[in-house]
Protein backbone atom coordinates (compact mmCIF):
# COMPACT_ATOMS: atom_id res chain seq x y z
CA UNK A 1 9.68 -2.68 -9.83
CA UNK A 2 9.73 -1.92 -13.40
CA UNK A 3 11.97 0.17 -14.30
CA UNK A 4 15.58 -0.55 -14.85
CA UNK A 5 18.09 -0.61 -12.19
CA UNK A 6 18.60 3.14 -12.12
CA UNK A 7 22.07 4.68 -11.96
CA UNK A 8 24.55 2.22 -10.48
CA UNK A 9 26.80 5.45 -10.27
CA UNK A 10 30.68 5.19 -10.69
CA UNK A 11 31.43 1.61 -11.97
CA UNK A 12 31.75 -0.86 -8.93
CA UNK A 13 34.72 -2.60 -10.93
CA UNK A 14 36.89 0.65 -11.36
CA UNK A 15 38.73 -0.02 -7.91
CA UNK A 16 40.39 -2.90 -9.28
CA UNK A 17 41.76 -1.15 -12.54
CA UNK A 18 45.33 0.00 -12.57
CA UNK A 19 45.35 2.69 -15.62
CA UNK A 20 47.23 5.77 -14.62
CA UNK A 21 50.35 6.61 -16.48
CA UNK A 22 53.54 5.91 -14.80
CA UNK A 23 54.84 9.14 -13.35
CA UNK A 24 58.50 7.59 -12.44
CA UNK A 25 61.63 9.07 -11.86
CA UNK A 26 63.86 8.90 -15.40
CA UNK A 27 66.60 6.71 -13.38
CA UNK A 28 64.16 4.11 -13.19
CA UNK A 29 63.14 4.22 -16.86
CA UNK A 30 67.21 3.77 -17.65
CA UNK A 31 67.29 0.81 -15.83
CA UNK A 32 63.84 -0.76 -17.56
CA UNK A 33 64.97 0.33 -20.88
CA UNK A 34 68.46 -0.97 -20.34
CA UNK A 35 66.81 -4.23 -19.21
CA UNK A 36 64.57 -4.42 -21.64
CA UNK A 37 66.95 -4.01 -24.68
CA UNK A 38 67.45 -6.83 -26.87
CA UNK A 39 64.93 -9.16 -24.55
CA UNK A 40 63.42 -11.02 -27.70
CA UNK A 41 64.31 -14.84 -27.35
CA UNK A 42 67.27 -15.93 -29.81
CA UNK A 43 66.75 -19.23 -31.87
CA UNK A 44 70.00 -19.73 -33.36
CA UNK A 45 73.86 -19.15 -32.20
CA UNK A 46 75.31 -15.95 -33.27
CA UNK A 47 79.10 -15.07 -34.06
CA UNK A 48 80.33 -12.88 -31.41
CA UNK A 49 79.76 -9.13 -31.59
CA UNK A 50 82.40 -7.03 -32.84
CA UNK A 51 83.72 -4.14 -30.45
CA UNK A 52 82.37 -1.92 -33.46
CA UNK A 53 78.72 -3.37 -33.53
CA UNK A 54 78.79 -3.26 -29.44
CA UNK A 55 79.45 0.56 -29.76
CA UNK A 56 76.75 0.90 -31.96
CA UNK A 57 74.15 -0.58 -29.72
CA UNK A 58 75.35 1.25 -27.05
CA UNK A 59 74.65 4.57 -28.76
CA UNK A 60 71.07 3.24 -29.90
CA UNK A 61 70.07 2.37 -26.20
CA UNK A 62 71.41 5.79 -25.24
CA UNK A 63 69.43 7.70 -27.87
CA UNK A 64 66.19 5.06 -26.82
CA UNK A 65 66.77 6.30 -23.22
CA UNK A 66 66.99 9.93 -24.12
CA UNK A 67 64.16 10.20 -26.28
CA UNK A 68 61.95 8.12 -23.83
CA UNK A 69 63.18 10.16 -20.73
CA UNK A 70 62.24 13.57 -23.03
CA UNK A 71 58.72 11.68 -23.73
CA UNK A 72 58.03 11.10 -19.74
CA UNK A 73 59.06 14.90 -19.35
CA UNK A 74 56.65 15.89 -21.91
CA UNK A 75 53.81 13.65 -20.23
CA UNK A 76 54.18 15.16 -16.76
CA UNK A 77 53.91 18.54 -18.46
CA UNK A 78 50.74 17.49 -20.05
CA UNK A 79 52.23 17.95 -23.50
CA UNK A 80 50.88 14.50 -24.89
CA UNK A 81 51.33 15.09 -28.17
CA UNK A 82 55.12 15.83 -27.84
CA UNK A 83 55.31 12.76 -25.33
CA UNK A 84 53.86 10.68 -28.25
CA UNK A 85 56.21 12.04 -30.80
CA UNK A 86 59.40 11.09 -28.25
CA UNK A 87 58.09 7.68 -27.36
CA UNK A 88 57.94 7.10 -31.22
CA UNK A 89 61.54 8.24 -31.71
CA UNK A 90 62.51 5.95 -28.69
CA UNK A 91 61.07 2.92 -30.74
CA UNK A 92 63.15 3.55 -33.48
CA UNK A 93 66.37 3.05 -31.37
CA UNK A 94 64.68 -0.23 -29.30
CA UNK A 95 61.70 -1.85 -30.78
CA UNK A 96 61.73 -4.65 -28.05
CA UNK A 97 61.15 -2.64 -25.01
CA UNK A 98 57.34 -3.12 -23.76
CA UNK A 99 57.72 -0.16 -21.51
CA UNK A 100 58.17 2.11 -24.63
CA UNK A 101 54.99 0.63 -26.22
CA UNK A 102 52.87 0.59 -22.89
CA UNK A 103 53.63 4.40 -22.62
CA UNK A 104 53.35 5.39 -26.19
CA UNK A 105 49.98 3.43 -26.23
CA UNK A 106 48.92 5.10 -22.98
CA UNK A 107 49.78 8.53 -24.58
CA UNK A 108 47.44 7.72 -27.58
CA UNK A 109 44.56 6.74 -25.14
CA UNK A 110 45.41 10.27 -23.57
CA UNK A 111 45.01 12.07 -26.64
CA UNK A 112 41.90 9.75 -27.47
CA UNK A 113 43.41 8.46 -30.68
CA UNK A 114 42.53 4.97 -30.08
CA UNK A 115 43.24 3.53 -33.56
CA UNK A 116 46.92 4.51 -32.72
CA UNK A 117 47.13 3.05 -29.41
CA UNK A 118 45.52 -0.18 -30.75
CA UNK A 119 48.11 -0.51 -33.51
CA UNK A 120 51.07 0.31 -31.05
CA UNK A 121 49.78 -2.58 -28.32
CA UNK A 122 49.43 -5.19 -31.52
CA UNK A 123 53.20 -4.20 -32.56
CA UNK A 124 54.06 -4.75 -28.68
CA UNK A 125 52.65 -8.12 -28.42
CA UNK A 126 54.26 -9.05 -31.79
CA UNK A 127 57.89 -7.61 -30.57
CA UNK A 128 57.65 -8.53 -27.28
CA UNK A 129 56.88 -11.55 -24.88
CA UNK A 130 54.86 -9.21 -22.49
CA UNK A 131 51.28 -10.62 -23.19
CA UNK A 132 49.99 -10.01 -19.54
CA UNK A 133 50.88 -6.52 -19.97
CA UNK A 134 49.54 -5.60 -23.29
CA UNK A 135 46.38 -7.83 -23.29
CA UNK A 136 44.88 -5.89 -20.30
CA UNK A 137 45.92 -2.57 -22.35
CA UNK A 138 44.34 -3.72 -25.29
CA UNK A 139 40.94 -4.82 -23.78
CA UNK A 140 40.80 -1.52 -22.19
CA UNK A 141 41.34 0.48 -25.41
CA UNK A 142 38.60 -1.23 -26.89
CA UNK A 143 36.21 -0.40 -23.67
CA UNK A 144 36.86 3.08 -23.65
CA UNK A 145 36.25 3.33 -27.29
CA UNK A 146 33.04 1.14 -26.92
CA UNK A 147 34.02 -1.65 -28.61
CA UNK A 148 32.54 -3.78 -25.97
CA UNK A 149 32.72 -7.26 -28.20
CA UNK A 150 36.38 -6.82 -29.02
CA UNK A 151 36.88 -5.83 -25.37
CA UNK A 152 34.91 -8.88 -24.29
CA UNK A 153 36.70 -11.04 -26.50
CA UNK A 154 40.27 -10.03 -25.13
CA UNK A 155 39.22 -10.23 -21.32
CA UNK A 156 37.88 -13.84 -22.19
CA UNK A 157 41.14 -14.98 -23.97
CA UNK A 158 42.81 -13.65 -20.62
CA UNK A 159 40.65 -15.62 -18.58
CA UNK A 160 41.38 -18.67 -20.93
CA UNK A 161 44.67 -18.36 -21.07
CA UNK A 162 46.57 -17.39 -17.37
CA UNK A 163 46.35 -18.94 -14.31
CA UNK A 164 47.36 -15.77 -12.81
CA UNK A 165 44.97 -15.09 -10.32
CA UNK A 166 45.67 -10.99 -10.06
CA UNK A 167 45.28 -10.83 -13.79
CA UNK A 168 41.86 -12.86 -13.80
CA UNK A 169 40.45 -10.64 -11.21
CA UNK A 170 41.49 -7.52 -13.20
CA UNK A 171 40.25 -9.47 -16.34
CA UNK A 172 36.98 -10.07 -14.46
CA UNK A 173 36.34 -6.53 -13.22
CA UNK A 174 37.12 -5.21 -16.65
CA UNK A 175 34.41 -7.49 -17.86
CA UNK A 176 32.16 -6.32 -15.07
CA UNK A 177 32.65 -2.76 -16.34
CA UNK A 178 31.83 -3.74 -20.06
CA UNK A 179 28.48 -5.31 -18.51
CA UNK A 180 27.86 -2.42 -16.52
CA UNK A 181 27.87 -0.10 -19.44
CA UNK A 182 25.73 -1.84 -21.45
CA UNK A 183 22.89 -2.33 -18.61
CA UNK A 184 23.70 -6.19 -18.64
CA UNK A 185 23.12 -6.74 -14.74
CA UNK A 186 22.64 -10.38 -14.84
CA UNK A 187 26.05 -10.93 -16.24
CA UNK A 188 27.35 -8.30 -13.60
CA UNK A 189 26.00 -10.04 -10.82
CA UNK A 190 27.57 -13.18 -12.43
CA UNK A 191 31.00 -11.62 -12.45
CA UNK A 192 30.54 -10.58 -8.77
CA UNK A 193 30.01 -14.50 -8.13
CA UNK A 194 33.22 -15.55 -10.05
CA UNK A 195 35.23 -12.91 -7.97
CA UNK A 196 33.83 -14.46 -4.85
CA UNK A 197 35.00 -17.70 -5.96
CA UNK A 198 38.33 -16.43 -6.35
CA UNK A 199 38.43 -15.16 -2.87
CA UNK A 200 35.52 -16.38 -0.55
CA UNK A 201 36.54 -14.07 2.26
CA UNK A 202 35.47 -11.20 -0.07
CA UNK A 203 31.77 -11.65 1.10
CA UNK A 204 30.82 -8.22 -0.21
CA UNK A 205 31.03 -9.57 -3.83
CA UNK A 206 28.17 -11.83 -3.21
CA UNK A 207 26.23 -9.09 -1.38
CA UNK A 208 26.31 -7.13 -4.67
CA UNK A 209 25.42 -9.95 -6.71
CA UNK A 210 22.29 -10.34 -4.12
CA UNK A 211 21.39 -6.55 -4.66
CA UNK A 212 21.45 -7.12 -8.00
CA UNK A 213 19.33 -10.14 -8.16
CA UNK A 214 17.03 -8.59 -5.80
CA UNK A 215 16.35 -5.34 -8.05
CA UNK A 216 15.94 -8.01 -11.25
CA UNK A 217 13.41 -9.85 -8.62
CA UNK A 218 15.10 -12.89 -9.57
CA UNK A 219 14.28 -14.06 -6.29
CA UNK A 220 15.58 -18.00 -6.69
CA UNK A 221 19.14 -16.40 -7.56
CA UNK A 222 18.72 -14.22 -4.34
CA UNK A 223 18.00 -17.36 -2.36
CA UNK A 224 20.72 -19.26 -3.78
CA UNK A 225 23.32 -16.54 -3.06
CA UNK A 226 22.00 -16.48 0.66
CA UNK A 227 22.19 -19.64 1.07
CA UNK A 228 25.93 -19.71 -0.32
CA UNK A 229 26.71 -16.65 2.35
CA UNK A 230 25.21 -18.69 4.84
CA UNK A 231 27.26 -21.67 4.43
CA UNK A 232 30.39 -19.80 4.02
CA UNK A 233 29.75 -17.59 6.51
CA UNK A 234 27.73 -19.40 9.58
CA UNK A 235 28.71 -17.00 12.17
CA UNK A 236 26.62 -14.25 10.46
CA UNK A 237 23.19 -14.62 11.46
CA UNK A 238 22.16 -11.79 9.01
CA UNK A 239 22.23 -13.89 6.13
CA UNK A 240 19.17 -16.23 7.40
CA UNK A 241 17.71 -13.02 8.42
CA UNK A 242 17.62 -12.06 4.90
CA UNK A 243 16.64 -15.32 3.39
CA UNK A 244 13.60 -14.83 5.72
CA UNK A 245 12.65 -11.66 4.37
CA UNK A 246 13.31 -12.82 0.89
CA UNK A 247 10.64 -15.84 1.53
CA UNK A 248 8.31 -13.52 3.15
CA UNK A 249 8.36 -11.06 0.28
CA UNK A 250 8.07 -14.07 -2.53
CA UNK A 251 5.23 -15.72 -1.29
CA UNK A 252 6.46 -18.61 0.94
CA UNK A 253 6.03 -17.15 4.13
CA UNK A 254 5.83 -20.62 5.91
CA UNK A 255 9.50 -21.23 5.08
CA UNK A 256 10.27 -17.40 6.52
CA UNK A 257 8.49 -18.30 9.48
CA UNK A 258 10.31 -21.69 10.14
CA UNK A 259 13.84 -19.83 9.68
CA UNK A 260 12.65 -17.08 12.07
CA UNK A 261 11.55 -19.57 14.74
CA UNK A 262 15.11 -21.30 14.77
CA UNK A 263 16.55 -17.91 14.97
CA UNK A 264 14.68 -16.96 17.95
CA UNK A 265 15.73 -19.98 19.86
CA UNK A 266 19.33 -18.73 19.63
CA UNK A 267 18.58 -14.90 19.72
CA UNK A 268 15.13 -13.67 21.04
CA UNK A 269 16.10 -10.42 19.61
CA UNK A 270 12.89 -8.02 19.22
CA UNK A 271 13.36 -7.09 16.02
CA UNK A 272 13.45 -10.89 14.98
CA UNK A 273 10.16 -11.30 16.95
CA UNK A 274 8.56 -8.29 15.67
CA UNK A 275 8.94 -9.82 11.87
CA UNK A 276 7.88 -13.07 13.10
CA UNK A 277 4.68 -11.55 14.46
CA UNK A 278 4.05 -9.57 11.40
CA UNK A 279 4.35 -12.99 9.41
CA UNK A 280 2.02 -14.59 12.18
CA UNK A 281 -0.34 -11.54 11.19
CA UNK A 282 -0.21 -11.79 7.37
CA UNK A 283 -0.54 -15.39 7.24
CA UNK A 284 -3.97 -15.69 9.07
CA UNK A 285 -2.60 -16.92 12.33
CA UNK A 286 -3.75 -14.05 14.60
CA UNK A 287 -3.63 -16.10 17.85
CA UNK A 288 0.12 -16.79 17.37
CA UNK A 289 0.90 -13.00 16.58
CA UNK A 290 -1.09 -11.98 19.57
CA UNK A 291 0.61 -14.26 21.81
CA UNK A 292 3.93 -13.16 20.46
CA UNK A 293 3.63 -9.76 20.68
CA UNK A 294 1.44 -9.46 23.69
CA UNK A 295 4.76 -9.21 26.17
CA UNK A 296 6.13 -6.29 24.23
CA UNK A 297 2.87 -4.23 24.67
CA UNK A 298 3.14 -4.90 28.43
CA UNK A 299 6.76 -4.13 28.40
CA UNK A 300 6.56 -1.06 26.25
CA UNK A 301 3.27 0.23 25.11
CA UNK A 302 4.96 3.19 22.72
CA UNK A 303 6.27 0.72 20.03
CA UNK A 304 4.23 1.73 16.94
CA UNK A 305 4.75 -1.58 15.09
CA UNK A 306 3.55 -3.79 18.33
CA UNK A 307 0.38 -1.59 18.68
CA UNK A 308 -0.59 -1.82 14.45
CA UNK A 309 0.05 -5.73 14.64
CA UNK A 310 -1.61 -6.33 17.84
CA UNK A 311 -4.46 -3.97 16.72
CA UNK A 312 -4.75 -6.40 13.54
CA UNK A 313 -4.14 -9.45 15.32
CA UNK A 314 -7.33 -8.43 17.35
CA UNK A 315 -9.36 -7.47 14.67
CA UNK A 316 -8.76 -10.91 12.82
CA UNK A 317 -9.76 -12.74 16.14
CA UNK A 318 -12.71 -10.90 16.72
CA UNK A 319 -13.51 -11.50 12.61
CA UNK A 320 -13.10 -15.29 13.23
CA UNK A 321 -15.10 -15.19 16.21
CA UNK A 322 -17.92 -13.34 14.52
CA UNK A 323 -17.93 -15.74 11.72
CA UNK A 324 -18.20 -18.79 14.14
CA UNK A 325 -21.17 -17.03 15.82
CA UNK A 326 -19.30 -16.33 19.08
CA UNK A 327 -20.59 -12.58 19.24
CA UNK A 328 -19.25 -11.82 22.78
CA UNK A 329 -15.97 -12.79 21.79
CA UNK A 330 -15.96 -10.96 18.67
CA UNK A 331 -16.97 -8.01 20.32
CA UNK A 332 -14.44 -8.26 22.76
CA UNK A 333 -11.89 -8.36 20.31
CA UNK A 334 -13.14 -5.76 18.52
CA UNK A 335 -12.64 -3.50 21.55
CA UNK A 336 -9.23 -4.89 22.36
CA UNK A 337 -8.43 -3.90 18.53
CA UNK A 338 -9.88 -0.51 18.82
CA UNK A 339 -7.72 0.25 22.01
CA UNK A 340 -4.32 -0.64 20.29
CA UNK A 341 -5.30 1.17 17.34
CA UNK A 342 -6.06 4.47 19.52
CA UNK A 343 -2.93 4.15 21.25
CA UNK A 344 -1.10 4.25 17.93
CA UNK A 345 -3.05 6.97 16.59
CA UNK A 346 -2.61 9.18 19.76
CA UNK A 347 1.38 8.44 19.67
CA UNK A 348 1.79 8.66 15.91
CA UNK A 349 -1.16 10.14 13.85
CA UNK A 350 1.20 9.91 10.47
CA UNK A 351 0.55 5.87 10.53
CA UNK A 352 -2.02 5.27 7.85
CA UNK A 353 -2.56 1.65 8.81
CA UNK A 354 -3.59 3.44 12.31
CA UNK A 355 -6.77 5.30 10.84
CA UNK A 356 -7.49 2.38 8.42
CA UNK A 357 -7.50 -0.30 11.24
CA UNK A 358 -9.63 1.95 13.67
CA UNK A 359 -12.05 2.62 11.51
CA UNK A 360 -12.65 -1.32 10.64
CA UNK A 361 -12.75 -2.16 14.30
CA UNK A 362 -15.57 0.68 14.90
CA UNK A 363 -17.27 -0.54 11.92
CA UNK A 364 -17.34 -4.15 13.17
CA UNK A 365 -18.88 -2.78 16.07
CA UNK A 366 -21.50 -0.82 14.05
CA UNK A 367 -20.18 2.56 15.61
CA UNK A 368 -20.72 4.27 12.21
CA UNK A 369 -20.59 8.02 13.09
CA UNK A 370 -17.28 7.39 15.34
CA UNK A 371 -15.63 5.76 12.20
CA UNK A 372 -16.70 8.47 9.99
CA UNK A 373 -15.01 11.27 12.02
CA UNK A 374 -12.02 9.16 12.58
CA UNK A 375 -11.71 8.82 8.67
CA UNK A 376 -12.34 12.44 8.08
CA UNK A 377 -9.42 13.21 10.31
CA UNK A 378 -7.52 10.74 8.30
CA UNK A 379 -8.50 12.16 5.06
CA UNK A 380 -7.13 15.38 6.54
CA UNK A 381 -3.81 14.00 7.34
CA UNK A 382 -3.56 12.03 4.22
CA UNK A 383 -5.92 13.92 1.17
CA UNK A 384 -4.23 11.86 -1.66
CA UNK A 385 -4.97 8.43 -0.04
CA UNK A 386 -7.39 6.56 -1.97
CA UNK A 387 -7.96 3.80 0.78
CA UNK A 388 -9.15 6.11 3.27
CA UNK A 389 -11.55 7.89 0.69
CA UNK A 390 -12.62 4.17 -0.26
CA UNK A 391 -13.12 3.43 3.59
CA UNK A 392 -14.90 6.65 4.49
CA UNK A 393 -17.10 6.21 1.20
CA UNK A 394 -18.00 2.51 2.47
CA UNK A 395 -18.72 3.77 6.18
CA UNK A 396 -21.19 6.33 4.48
CA UNK A 397 -22.82 3.50 2.63
CA UNK A 398 -23.12 1.40 5.62
CA UNK A 399 -24.47 4.59 7.34
CA UNK A 400 -26.93 4.94 4.67
CA UNK A 401 -25.49 8.34 3.56
CA UNK A 402 -25.70 7.47 -0.05
CA UNK A 403 -24.69 11.07 -1.20
CA UNK A 404 -21.44 11.34 0.78
CA UNK A 405 -20.84 7.76 0.06
CA UNK A 406 -21.02 8.67 -3.85
CA UNK A 407 -18.77 11.58 -3.09
CA UNK A 408 -15.88 9.92 -1.41
CA UNK A 409 -16.30 6.64 -3.55
CA UNK A 410 -15.57 8.88 -6.72
CA UNK A 411 -12.33 10.80 -4.90
CA UNK A 412 -10.88 7.38 -4.54
CA UNK A 413 -11.55 6.32 -7.98
CA UNK A 414 -10.22 9.69 -9.33
CA UNK A 415 -7.07 9.06 -7.34
CA UNK A 416 -6.57 5.38 -8.62
CA UNK A 417 -8.92 4.57 -11.41
CA UNK A 418 -8.01 0.89 -11.30
CA UNK A 419 -9.61 -0.06 -8.05
CA UNK A 420 -12.20 -2.46 -7.79
CA UNK A 421 -13.85 -2.63 -4.63
CA UNK A 422 -14.96 1.28 -4.37
CA UNK A 423 -16.13 0.94 -8.08
CA UNK A 424 -18.41 -2.01 -6.69
CA UNK A 425 -19.78 0.06 -3.64
CA UNK A 426 -20.21 2.70 -5.73
CA UNK A 427 -22.79 0.37 -8.00
CA UNK A 428 -24.47 -0.51 -4.58
CA UNK A 429 -24.60 3.44 -3.94
CA UNK A 430 -26.45 3.84 -7.57
CA UNK A 431 -28.67 1.18 -6.56
CA UNK A 432 -29.97 2.80 -3.31
CA UNK A 433 -30.29 5.96 -5.02
CA UNK A 434 -32.62 4.51 -7.56
CA UNK A 435 -29.90 5.31 -9.95
CA UNK A 436 -30.12 1.58 -11.80
CA UNK A 437 -28.86 2.76 -15.15
CA UNK A 438 -25.70 4.06 -13.36
CA UNK A 439 -25.35 1.00 -11.27
CA UNK A 440 -25.70 -1.23 -14.62
CA UNK A 441 -22.99 0.82 -16.21
CA UNK A 442 -20.62 0.34 -13.15
CA UNK A 443 -21.03 -3.30 -13.13
CA UNK A 444 -20.42 -3.62 -16.67
CA UNK A 445 -16.91 -1.90 -16.16
CA UNK A 446 -16.16 -4.43 -13.44
CA UNK A 447 -16.96 -7.25 -15.69
CA UNK A 448 -15.28 -5.79 -18.52
CA UNK A 449 -12.02 -5.82 -16.10
CA UNK A 450 -12.71 -9.09 -14.38
CA UNK A 451 -15.22 -11.00 -16.84
CA UNK A 452 -15.25 -14.30 -14.51
CA UNK A 453 -15.89 -12.87 -10.98
CA UNK A 454 -18.78 -14.52 -9.69
CA UNK A 455 -19.56 -11.47 -7.42
CA UNK A 456 -20.14 -9.06 -10.36
CA UNK A 457 -21.89 -11.45 -12.67
CA UNK A 458 -24.19 -12.02 -9.38
CA UNK A 459 -24.82 -8.67 -8.75
CA UNK A 460 -25.70 -7.39 -12.30
CA UNK A 461 -28.24 -10.43 -12.82
CA UNK A 462 -29.89 -9.48 -9.37
CA UNK A 463 -29.96 -5.54 -10.63
CA UNK A 464 -31.73 -6.94 -13.78
CA UNK A 465 -33.98 -9.21 -11.84
CA UNK A 466 -35.03 -6.49 -9.65
CA UNK A 467 -36.09 -4.19 -12.62
CA UNK A 468 -37.51 -7.90 -14.43
CA UNK A 469 -35.20 -7.04 -17.61
CA UNK A 470 -32.81 -8.88 -19.58
CA UNK A 471 -34.09 -11.83 -17.51
CA UNK A 472 -32.61 -14.74 -19.84
CA UNK A 473 -29.16 -12.88 -19.52
CA UNK A 474 -29.38 -12.28 -16.06
CA UNK A 475 -30.16 -16.28 -15.75
CA UNK A 476 -26.79 -16.94 -17.88
CA UNK A 477 -24.63 -14.79 -15.82
CA UNK A 478 -25.96 -16.06 -12.14
CA UNK A 479 -25.58 -19.83 -13.71
CA UNK A 480 -21.80 -18.66 -14.26
CA UNK A 481 -21.51 -17.40 -11.00
CA UNK A 482 -22.99 -20.68 -9.41
CA UNK A 483 -20.83 -22.84 -11.49
CA UNK A 484 -17.73 -20.95 -9.91
CA UNK A 485 -19.54 -21.03 -6.27
CA UNK A 486 -22.33 -23.41 -6.40
CA UNK A 487 -23.05 -23.25 -2.47
CA UNK A 488 -23.09 -19.21 -2.37
CA UNK A 489 -26.54 -18.47 -0.61
CA UNK A 490 -26.76 -15.28 -2.34
CA UNK A 491 -26.45 -16.37 -5.87
CA UNK A 492 -28.93 -19.19 -5.19
CA UNK A 493 -31.52 -16.51 -4.07
CA UNK A 494 -30.66 -14.53 -7.29
CA UNK A 495 -31.19 -17.53 -9.26
CA UNK A 496 -34.52 -17.78 -7.26
CA UNK A 497 -35.59 -14.43 -8.03
CA UNK A 498 -34.94 -14.40 -11.70
CA UNK A 499 -37.17 -17.43 -12.04
CA UNK A 500 -39.74 -15.63 -9.88
CA UNK A 501 -39.75 -12.26 -12.25
CA UNK A 502 -40.48 -15.02 -15.25
CA UNK A 503 -43.45 -16.54 -13.39
CA UNK A 504 -41.60 -19.77 -12.75
CA UNK A 505 -42.79 -19.97 -8.98
CA UNK A 506 -41.92 -23.71 -8.33
CA UNK A 507 -38.50 -23.27 -9.57
CA UNK A 508 -38.18 -19.75 -7.77
CA UNK A 509 -39.22 -21.90 -4.34
CA UNK A 510 -36.64 -24.24 -5.29
CA UNK A 511 -33.71 -22.40 -5.29
CA UNK A 512 -34.63 -19.80 -2.75
CA UNK A 513 -35.31 -22.40 -0.29
CA UNK A 514 -31.53 -23.73 -0.97
CA UNK A 515 -30.38 -20.23 -0.34
CA UNK A 516 -32.47 -20.20 3.12
CA UNK A 517 -30.94 -23.80 4.20
CA UNK A 518 -27.42 -21.83 3.84
CA UNK A 519 -28.23 -18.51 5.58
CA UNK A 520 -31.17 -18.98 7.48
CA UNK A 521 -31.36 -15.37 9.20
CA UNK A 522 -31.21 -13.36 5.76
CA UNK A 523 -34.08 -11.18 6.13
CA UNK A 524 -33.99 -10.66 2.27
CA UNK A 525 -34.01 -14.14 1.23
CA UNK A 526 -37.08 -14.93 4.16
CA UNK A 527 -38.85 -12.16 2.30
CA UNK A 528 -38.11 -13.60 -1.09
CA UNK A 529 -39.64 -17.04 -0.11
CA UNK A 530 -42.67 -15.21 1.33
CA UNK A 531 -43.33 -13.47 -2.22
CA UNK A 532 -43.03 -16.89 -3.55
CA UNK A 533 -45.53 -18.84 -1.10
CA UNK A 534 -47.73 -16.01 -1.68
CA UNK A 535 -47.86 -16.39 -5.55
CA UNK A 536 -48.24 -20.06 -5.11
CA UNK A 537 -51.50 -19.14 -2.80
CA UNK A 538 -50.22 -20.19 0.61
CA UNK A 539 -50.75 -17.20 2.46
CA UNK A 540 -50.24 -18.54 5.89
CA UNK A 541 -47.04 -19.62 5.16
CA UNK A 542 -46.11 -16.49 3.51
CA UNK A 543 -46.77 -14.38 6.41
CA UNK A 544 -44.89 -16.72 8.72
CA UNK A 545 -41.62 -16.25 6.44
CA UNK A 546 -42.44 -12.30 6.39
CA UNK A 547 -42.66 -12.41 10.58
CA UNK A 548 -39.18 -14.22 10.50
CA UNK A 549 -37.91 -11.44 8.21
CA UNK A 550 -38.98 -8.80 10.62
CA UNK A 551 -37.13 -10.39 13.41
CA UNK A 552 -33.90 -9.95 11.50
CA UNK A 553 -34.82 -6.20 9.67
CA UNK A 554 -37.45 -5.00 11.83
CA UNK A 555 -37.18 -1.46 10.23
CA UNK A 556 -38.17 -2.58 6.51
CA UNK A 557 -41.36 -0.68 6.01
CA UNK A 558 -42.23 -2.91 2.83
CA UNK A 559 -41.97 -5.79 5.10
CA UNK A 560 -43.87 -4.17 7.68
CA UNK A 561 -46.90 -3.44 4.67
CA UNK A 562 -46.80 -7.17 3.70
CA UNK A 563 -47.91 -8.65 7.29
CA UNK A 564 -50.73 -6.02 7.59
């Protein structure tokens, strides 16, 4: 999903940051200043301080404390400009106090005077040993003033020079905040992983990294993080379940099925079985889906998901039986599918898939009028769903209501002009309405979108063959289609019919006979071969083929005329 990640809201790292100004009692600061005064290390022995010198130091410390306390008072009153002046005066009398440098820098930050804050922090670094105090503050100044490269360099310096875990955590958190501000979400996720390595009990860090990787569609990283969670926290079965879902979403349903099968062995929870049933259904294993979900139907026939997937599983089983020539089983499965979908719609007519599935079940049973009425109801419920208009248009086409089919198919395309199937059926409709120029336009649109699609190549070639025009171009197109699907009966018949239109009857006979060997009950192919034999002067063979064609298409008036 394009687009960006959207608004992450308040920085997820801000909870780690301790940035408030120190609002503490003056007595506390007296202790700090006294303890901090003169803390710079001595590198050589000094002579004993005279009493007069000691008195001067005492006065300087006293003045530093006085100005510092007045600065704190100004801070508490919100008078940051006055606080800054007082802290500056305090530094005149004690230039070695980390506390004064720190609070003066923070005061400048409150005044949004970041250059002054930076200068004071650097002075603090030069005049005290409090590196771990001032480096995070310097990084913060660069961050709030949007000097992200400098901020990153400071925090990286902290990571490279300290072993203090709390400080490392703060530096990582600050880096994460910078990366969020710059929309560098892969680096944000990496920071979460580093925070997790610092404290593996904080699994929420990995969860946040996983969510980012998921939004970025970096599925390999999602899987890696989930595997780590499952390894470090083996008692939590949510991680294997999340892994199964990721496998299912990223085109590896077999791995998802394996994980779910293992989970169900220890915990046959309904939700897990429903997910496994869905995967069976999506991966072309309708029998497995049916066996898994049927007990839920017997126990509770009101679960919409169970009804939906059982309906789909039964529909798929029916289509498989139909492809194998088992008409009785196909009808039984189609009727069973119809029953599940009817229950689904009766309970909840807001489920789009219920209308779609039931319409397919009815159509497989050639109950076109009922399918049309159902889809009309679905269109009323979902007027902006292109797939329902598409299915209604196809059903109208199959019931030979071509004008209504054209209306619905065009409606589907107005909703979504990128759809291919409704456009393809629209070409069929134009052909049936005798609007072959319009059909040609549609086929050319389809081929522009998918120039190597054999179905479109064949159908435009056949349209030209029907009209007896562009036959050499038609022959090139059907040859291209056959190079991709050499055993396709329809394409072989098209090639034979082009040769027929070119007057090359023996070549036509060869290709149409090949088509008939692959599809012996196709009335159109039988009729074409009959026309070829008639042209070759074998009237008896032609009549035999026409009569065979009439067994499969008894209402075909053109065929009836040919046998008279």
